[in-house]
């Protein structure tokens, strides 16, 4: 019985990694700007999460 050696395969494709990286950068920027404008940390985290979701959805359709 021969098993496939999956240890050499990447965890994410290059496209997925780029989409997530763009989303992470947008989330960090939105969260930081929200927090520095005087809002609470929880509000900044929610803004960052929303920015991440929206950016990933947009980048997924834009990067083809």
PDB file of N, CA and C in Angstrom:
ATOM      1  N   UNK A   1       0.840  -1.164   0.000  1.00  0.00           N
ATOM      2  CA  UNK A   1       0.000   0.000   0.000  1.00  0.00           C
ATOM      3  C   UNK A   1       0.893   1.238   0.000  1.00  0.00           C
ATOM      4  N   UNK A   2       0.762   2.050  -1.006  1.00  0.00           N
ATOM      5  CA  UNK A   2       1.610   3.222  -1.179  1.00  0.00           C
ATOM      6  C   UNK A   2       0.849   4.476  -0.763  1.00  0.00           C
ATOM      7  N   UNK A   3       1.467   5.261   0.093  1.00  0.00           N
ATOM      8  CA  UNK A   3       0.849   6.511   0.532  1.00  0.00           C
ATOM      9  C   UNK A   3       1.473   7.677  -0.219  1.00  0.00           C
ATOM     10  N   UNK A   4       0.655   8.687  -0.472  1.00  0.00           N
ATOM     11  CA  UNK A   4       1.173   9.901  -1.103  1.00  0.00           C
ATOM     12  C   UNK A   4       1.912  10.736  -0.070  1.00  0.00           C
ATOM     13  N   UNK A   5       3.030  11.288  -0.475  1.00  0.00           N
ATOM     14  CA  UNK A   5       3.787  12.158   0.405  1.00  0.00           C
ATOM     15  C   UNK A   5       3.270  13.580   0.230  1.00  0.00           C
ATOM     16  N   UNK A   6       2.403  13.995   1.135  1.00  0.00           N
ATOM     17  CA  UNK A   6       1.785  15.310   1.032  1.00  0.00           C
ATOM     18  C   UNK A   6       2.549  16.360   1.821  1.00  0.00           C
ATOM     19  N   UNK A   7       3.671  15.994   2.410  1.00  0.00           N
ATOM     20  CA  UNK A   7       4.424  16.953   3.219  1.00  0.00           C
ATOM     21  C   UNK A   7       5.080  18.033   2.363  1.00  0.00           C
ATOM     22  N   UNK A   8       5.238  17.802   1.086  1.00  0.00           N
ATOM     23  CA  UNK A   8       5.876  18.782   0.212  1.00  0.00           C
ATOM     24  C   UNK A   8       4.872  19.718  -0.450  1.00  0.00           C
ATOM     25  N   UNK A   9       3.575  19.459  -0.291  1.00  0.00           N
ATOM     26  CA  UNK A   9       2.565  20.318  -0.897  1.00  0.00           C
ATOM     27  C   UNK A   9       2.362  21.562  -0.044  1.00  0.00           C
ATOM     28  N   UNK A  10       2.138  22.706  -0.673  1.00  0.00           N
ATOM     29  CA  UNK A  10       1.895  23.914   0.121  1.00  0.00           C
ATOM     30  C   UNK A  10       0.535  23.859   0.807  1.00  0.00           C
ATOM     31  N   UNK A  11       0.443  24.507   1.946  1.00  0.00           N
ATOM     32  CA  UNK A  11      -0.805  24.529   2.693  1.00  0.00           C
ATOM     33  C   UNK A  11      -1.868  25.339   1.956  1.00  0.00           C
ATOM     34  N   UNK A  12      -1.465  26.466   1.370  1.00  0.00           N
ATOM     35  CA  UNK A  12      -2.351  27.321   0.583  1.00  0.00           C
ATOM     36  C   UNK A  12      -1.747  27.537  -0.797  1.00  0.00           C
ATOM     37  N   UNK A  13      -2.605  27.773  -1.749  1.00  0.00           N
ATOM     38  CA  UNK A  13      -2.089  28.139  -3.066  1.00  0.00           C
ATOM     39  C   UNK A  13      -1.582  29.574  -3.003  1.00  0.00           C
ATOM     40  N   UNK A  14      -0.819  29.972  -3.993  1.00  0.00           N
ATOM     41  CA  UNK A  14      -0.278  31.326  -4.027  1.00  0.00           C
ATOM     42  C   UNK A  14      -1.405  32.351  -4.100  1.00  0.00           C
ATOM     43  N   UNK A  15      -2.431  32.057  -4.877  1.00  0.00           N
ATOM     44  CA  UNK A  15      -3.569  32.976  -5.014  1.00  0.00           C
ATOM     45  C   UNK A  15      -4.269  33.168  -3.672  1.00  0.00           C
ATOM     46  N   UNK A  16      -4.502  32.092  -2.947  1.00  0.00           N
ATOM     47  CA  UNK A  16      -5.160  32.192  -1.642  1.00  0.00           C
ATOM     48  C   UNK A  16      -4.305  32.969  -0.649  1.00  0.00           C
ATOM     49  N   UNK A  17      -3.014  32.743  -0.673  1.00  0.00           N
ATOM     50  CA  UNK A  17      -2.128  33.456   0.235  1.00  0.00           C
ATOM     51  C   UNK A  17      -2.137  34.955  -0.054  1.00  0.00           C
ATOM     52  N   UNK A  18      -2.153  35.329  -1.322  1.00  0.00           N
ATOM     53  CA  UNK A  18      -2.189  36.751  -1.680  1.00  0.00           C
ATOM     54  C   UNK A  18      -3.506  37.375  -1.267  1.00  0.00           C
ATOM     55  N   UNK A  19      -4.610  36.680  -1.488  1.00  0.00           N
ATOM     56  CA  UNK A  19      -5.927  37.200  -1.111  1.00  0.00           C
ATOM     57  C   UNK A  19      -5.996  37.398   0.400  1.00  0.00           C
ATOM     58  N   UNK A  20      -5.534  36.437   1.174  1.00  0.00           N
ATOM     59  CA  UNK A  20      -5.561  36.568   2.631  1.00  0.00           C
ATOM     60  C   UNK A  20      -4.615  37.662   3.123  1.00  0.00           C
ATOM     61  N   UNK A  21      -3.474  37.812   2.480  1.00  0.00           N
ATOM     62  CA  UNK A  21      -2.536  38.858   2.870  1.00  0.00           C
ATOM     63  C   UNK A  21      -3.124  40.242   2.618  1.00  0.00           C
ATOM     64  N   UNK A  22      -3.780  40.429   1.496  1.00  0.00           N
ATOM     65  CA  UNK A  22      -4.435  41.706   1.208  1.00  0.00           C
ATOM     66  C   UNK A  22      -5.533  41.965   2.239  1.00  0.00           C
ATOM     67  N   UNK A  23      -6.304  40.945   2.564  1.00  0.00           N
ATOM     68  CA  UNK A  23      -7.347  41.089   3.575  1.00  0.00           C
ATOM     69  C   UNK A  23      -6.788  41.426   4.943  1.00  0.00           C
ATOM     70  N   UNK A  24      -5.668  40.813   5.295  1.00  0.00           N
ATOM     71  CA  UNK A  24      -5.046  41.079   6.585  1.00  0.00           C
ATOM     72  C   UNK A  24      -4.540  42.511   6.667  1.00  0.00           C
ATOM     73  N   UNK A  25      -3.963  43.008   5.585  1.00  0.00           N
ATOM     74  CA  UNK A  25      -3.478  44.386   5.574  1.00  0.00           C
ATOM     75  C   UNK A  25      -4.627  45.378   5.687  1.00  0.00           C
ATOM     76  N   UNK A  26      -5.714  45.129   4.989  1.00  0.00           N
ATOM     77  CA  UNK A  26      -6.877  46.015   5.072  1.00  0.00           C
ATOM     78  C   UNK A  26      -7.485  45.977   6.470  1.00  0.00           C
ATOM     79  N   UNK A  27      -7.539  44.803   7.076  1.00  0.00           N
ATOM     80  CA  UNK A  27      -8.090  44.674   8.425  1.00  0.00           C
ATOM     81  C   UNK A  27      -7.227  45.411   9.440  1.00  0.00           C
ATOM     82  N   UNK A  28      -5.927  45.288   9.306  1.00  0.00           N
ATOM     83  CA  UNK A  28      -5.028  45.981  10.230  1.00  0.00           C
ATOM     84  C   UNK A  28      -5.162  47.495  10.089  1.00  0.00           C
ATOM     85  N   UNK A  29      -5.243  47.967   8.859  1.00  0.00           N
ATOM     86  CA  UNK A  29      -5.384  49.411   8.639  1.00  0.00           C
ATOM     87  C   UNK A  29      -6.709  49.921   9.190  1.00  0.00           C
ATOM     88  N   UNK A  30      -7.793  49.208   8.924  1.00  0.00           N
ATOM     89  CA  UNK A  30      -9.107  49.643   9.413  1.00  0.00           C
ATOM     90  C   UNK A  30      -9.175  49.601  10.935  1.00  0.00           C
ATOM     91  N   UNK A  31      -8.644  48.553  11.522  1.00  0.00           N
ATOM     92  CA  UNK A  31      -8.642  48.450  12.981  1.00  0.00           C
ATOM     93  C   UNK A  31      -7.797  49.518  13.634  1.00  0.00           C
ATOM     94  N   UNK A  32      -6.635  49.776  13.078  1.00  0.00           N
ATOM     95  CA  UNK A  32      -5.750  50.799  13.636  1.00  0.00           C
ATOM     96  C   UNK A  32      -6.366  52.192  13.513  1.00  0.00           C
ATOM     97  N   UNK A  33      -6.906  52.498  12.367  1.00  0.00           N
ATOM     98  CA  UNK A  33      -7.532  53.807  12.178  1.00  0.00           C
ATOM     99  C   UNK A  33      -8.757  53.978  13.072  1.00  0.00           C
ATOM    100  N   UNK A  34      -9.520  52.918  13.248  1.00  0.00           N
ATOM    101  CA  UNK A  34     -10.688  52.990  14.119  1.00  0.00           C
ATOM    102  C   UNK A  34     -10.270  53.203  15.569  1.00  0.00           C
ATOM    103  N   UNK A  35      -9.234  52.498  15.994  1.00  0.00           N
ATOM    104  CA  UNK A  35      -8.777  52.622  17.377  1.00  0.00           C
ATOM    105  C   UNK A  35      -8.160  53.993  17.649  1.00  0.00           C
ATOM    106  N   UNK A  36      -7.364  54.491  16.714  1.00  0.00           N
ATOM    107  CA  UNK A  36      -6.722  55.789  16.935  1.00  0.00           C
ATOM    108  C   UNK A  36      -7.691  56.959  16.828  1.00  0.00           C
ATOM    109  N   UNK A  37      -8.873  56.715  16.276  1.00  0.00           N
ATOM    110  CA  UNK A  37      -9.859  57.794  16.216  1.00  0.00           C
ATOM    111  C   UNK A  37     -10.625  57.947  17.523  1.00  0.00           C
ATOM    112  N   UNK A  38     -10.307  57.114  18.499  1.00  0.00           N
ATOM    113  CA  UNK A  38     -10.898  57.274  19.823  1.00  0.00           C
ATOM    114  C   UNK A  38     -11.934  56.230  20.178  1.00  0.00           C
ATOM    115  N   UNK A  39     -12.147  55.243  19.342  1.00  0.00           N
ATOM    116  CA  UNK A  39     -13.113  54.180  19.651  1.00  0.00           C
ATOM    117  C   UNK A  39     -12.455  53.106  20.508  1.00  0.00           C
ATOM    118  N   UNK A  40     -13.279  52.241  21.068  1.00  0.00           N
ATOM    119  CA  UNK A  40     -12.756  51.180  21.930  1.00  0.00           C
ATOM    120  C   UNK A  40     -12.071  50.098  21.102  1.00  0.00           C
ATOM    121  N   UNK A  41     -11.332  49.260  21.803  1.00  0.00           N
ATOM    122  CA  UNK A  41     -10.610  48.173  21.144  1.00  0.00           C
ATOM    123  C   UNK A  41     -11.575  47.164  20.520  1.00  0.00           C
ATOM    124  N   UNK A  42     -12.699  46.926  21.187  1.00  0.00           N
ATOM    125  CA  UNK A  42     -13.694  45.996  20.646  1.00  0.00           C
ATOM    126  C   UNK A  42     -14.291  46.527  19.336  1.00  0.00           C
ATOM    127  N   UNK A  43     -14.546  47.806  19.281  1.00  0.00           N
ATOM    128  CA  UNK A  43     -15.065  48.408  18.054  1.00  0.00           C
ATOM    129  C   UNK A  43     -14.036  48.325  16.941  1.00  0.00           C
ATOM    130  N   UNK A  44     -12.780  48.552  17.269  1.00  0.00           N
ATOM    131  CA  UNK A  44     -11.711  48.461  16.278  1.00  0.00           C
ATOM    132  C   UNK A  44     -11.567  47.032  15.754  1.00  0.00           C
ATOM    133  N   UNK A  45     -11.718  46.047  16.638  1.00  0.00           N
ATOM    134  CA  UNK A  45     -11.634  44.651  16.210  1.00  0.00           C
ATOM    135  C   UNK A  45     -12.790  44.284  15.289  1.00  0.00           C
ATOM    136  N   UNK A  46     -13.975  44.763  15.608  1.00  0.00           N
ATOM    137  CA  UNK A  46     -15.128  44.508  14.739  1.00  0.00           C
ATOM    138  C   UNK A  46     -14.964  45.181  13.381  1.00  0.00           C
ATOM    139  N   UNK A  47     -14.435  46.388  13.369  1.00  0.00           N
ATOM    140  CA  UNK A  47     -14.194  47.084  12.105  1.00  0.00           C
ATOM    141  C   UNK A  47     -13.142  46.351  11.280  1.00  0.00           C
ATOM    142  N   UNK A  48     -12.106  45.864  11.936  1.00  0.00           N
ATOM    143  CA  UNK A  48     -11.075  45.105  11.243  1.00  0.00           C
ATOM    144  C   UNK A  48     -11.603  43.800  10.679  1.00  0.00           C
ATOM    145  N   UNK A  49     -12.452  43.135  11.427  1.00  0.00           N
ATOM    146  CA  UNK A  49     -13.052  41.885  10.948  1.00  0.00           C
ATOM    147  C   UNK A  49     -13.953  42.107   9.747  1.00  0.00           C
ATOM    148  N   UNK A  50     -14.728  43.169   9.803  1.00  0.00           N
ATOM    149  CA  UNK A  50     -15.600  43.489   8.665  1.00  0.00           C
ATOM    150  C   UNK A  50     -14.784  43.863   7.440  1.00  0.00           C
ATOM    151  N   UNK A  51     -13.715  44.613   7.654  1.00  0.00           N
ATOM    152  CA  UNK A  51     -12.846  44.989   6.542  1.00  0.00           C
ATOM    153  C   UNK A  51     -12.166  43.763   5.937  1.00  0.00           C
ATOM    154  N   UNK A  52     -11.765  42.817   6.792  1.00  0.00           N
ATOM    155  CA  UNK A  52     -11.139  41.593   6.298  1.00  0.00           C
ATOM    156  C   UNK A  52     -12.094  40.810   5.407  1.00  0.00           C
ATOM    157  N   UNK A  53     -13.317  40.624   5.890  1.00  0.00           N
ATOM    158  CA  UNK A  53     -14.299  39.860   5.122  1.00  0.00           C
ATOM    159  C   UNK A  53     -14.628  40.505   3.791  1.00  0.00           C
ATOM    160  N   UNK A  54     -14.839  41.806   3.818  1.00  0.00           N
ATOM    161  CA  UNK A  54     -15.178  42.506   2.579  1.00  0.00           C
ATOM    162  C   UNK A  54     -14.014  42.510   1.600  1.00  0.00           C
ATOM    163  N   UNK A  55     -12.802  42.694   2.107  1.00  0.00           N
ATOM    164  CA  UNK A  55     -11.632  42.732   1.231  1.00  0.00           C
ATOM    165  C   UNK A  55     -11.341  41.364   0.631  1.00  0.00           C
ATOM    166  N   UNK A  56     -11.481  40.312   1.418  1.00  0.00           N
ATOM    167  CA  UNK A  56     -11.255  38.964   0.891  1.00  0.00           C
ATOM    168  C   UNK A  56     -12.284  38.632  -0.189  1.00  0.00           C
ATOM    169  N   UNK A  57     -13.537  39.009   0.032  1.00  0.00           N
ATOM    170  CA  UNK A  57     -14.561  38.758  -0.971  1.00  0.00           C
ATOM    171  C   UNK A  57     -14.272  39.525  -2.258  1.00  0.00           C
ATOM    172  N   UNK A  58     -13.847  40.780  -2.121  1.00  0.00           N
ATOM    173  CA  UNK A  58     -13.533  41.577  -3.302  1.00  0.00           C
ATOM    174  C   UNK A  58     -12.283  41.063  -4.008  1.00  0.00           C
ATOM    175  N   UNK A  59     -11.221  40.807  -3.253  1.00  0.00           N
ATOM    176  CA  UNK A  59      -9.962  40.370  -3.848  1.00  0.00           C
ATOM    177  C   UNK A  59     -10.097  38.998  -4.510  1.00  0.00           C
ATOM    178  N   UNK A  60     -10.931  38.148  -3.941  1.00  0.00           N
ATOM    179  CA  UNK A  60     -11.148  36.821  -4.525  1.00  0.00           C
ATOM    180  C   UNK A  60     -11.769  36.922  -5.916  1.00  0.00           C
ATOM    181  N   UNK A  61     -12.675  37.873  -6.071  1.00  0.00           N
ATOM    182  CA  UNK A  61     -13.295  38.038  -7.388  1.00  0.00           C
ATOM    183  C   UNK A  61     -12.422  38.860  -8.324  1.00  0.00           C
ATOM    184  N   UNK A  62     -11.607  39.752  -7.792  1.00  0.00           N
ATOM    185  CA  UNK A  62     -10.789  40.623  -8.633  1.00  0.00           C
ATOM    186  C   UNK A  62      -9.526  39.930  -9.137  1.00  0.00           C
ATOM    187  N   UNK A  63      -8.946  39.085  -8.300  1.00  0.00           N
ATOM    188  CA  UNK A  63      -7.719  38.375  -8.691  1.00  0.00           C
ATOM    189  C   UNK A  63      -8.126  37.062  -9.338  1.00  0.00           C
ATOM    190  N   UNK A  64      -7.930  36.977 -10.599  1.00  0.00           N
ATOM    191  CA  UNK A  64      -8.405  35.793 -11.285  1.00  0.00           C
ATOM    192  C   UNK A  64      -7.324  35.108 -11.970  1.00  0.00           C
TER     193      UNK A  64
END
